C-alpha cells in the first residue's frame, strides 16, 4: 500500500476536527484481549461519566479550532501512524480529564535507541497512571479464516498476530528502571484503532473482533468488474484521509467504469493497493470503504 506523508499545515480545520473525533471516539478493533496477552485493551478513552465534559470540550473546539490549528501549524511531515499519535497527544494534553506525563519517550541502552514509549497519562477521574501504546491499522482477511496471522496489512508484511506480540513487548517498557524512577504505572493498555477489511467472498472476521466496528471489504483488481457497482459513485482516498475519511472539495467522484480504469492505472503505476470509498454524493456521505489489491497480493 502506498505510504504517503501527511503535511500538517495542508490539512483543513474540518479534517483535523473529524480526524481528532475519530481518534478518540472510534471503537477499538478488538473487543477482548487474546488469551495470555499481557495487557488490556482500552474500552473507551471517554467513559460514560466523561461524555458530557468531552462533548462540551469538543463542541467548543469546533467553534474555535485555533488551538488545534496552532498545534498543527507546521511543515513537519509524518506517516499516517505518527499523525494518529499526534492527534492523541493533543487530546491528552487538552482534555481536562487527563494529565499527560510522558509521550514518545525514547529508550536507550548502551548508548543506542532500543525503542519508544508512546504515552503515560494520569486518568484524573479514576486516579490511575496508565501506560498506553497506540496504533492505527488496516488488516485484510486472507483465506477466510479468523486466525490473527492471516489478517494481513496492505503491504503484505504486517499481521494482526505480529502487532499483538509487538504490543506486549512495548508494554514492558514501563517496567524499566529508568521509567520507574520517573513514574509508577498502575495499568498497561493498548489502543488499536483502524479497520478490518473482509474479502467480498469471505465470511470470517478475526477472533475477538469488535462487532461494533464498520464492516469494510477488499477485492482483487481482477474482481472489480464483478463487484464495483456501475451506478454508484466512488472516490480514491489519499492516505492522509484514512482516519476520519473526511470528504471535501479536494476529492473527485467517479462512476463504476471510470473508477475501475483509474484504479487499474494507479496499481499499474505503483504496484500497490488502492483505498476506495463508495459515496452518496447528494449527502456527501461515505457508504462503504474498499481496498483494491493487486492480483498477486499478498506477495508484493
Foldseek 3Di string as FASTA:
>chain_A
DDWDKDFLLVDDLVLLLLLLCLLQAPAFFFPFDDPPQDAGADGHPADPVRVVLVVVVSVVCVVPVVVVNVLSVGRDMDTQFVVSLSSVVCCQVPRPQKHWDDAQAFDDDPHDTDDTFGTWMARNVVRFTEGEDEGEFEWEADPQDQAQQRGAGQQLPDTSVVVSVVLSVNQCVCVDPVNVVVPDHDHYYYGYHYDYAYAPPHDDHHPRTDPPHDHAHEYELVCLVPPAAQVFKKWWDDSNCRRSVDDDPVIDIDGRVVVSVVQVVVCVVPVGKTKMFTAPVVVRDTDHIYIYGYPPPPVD
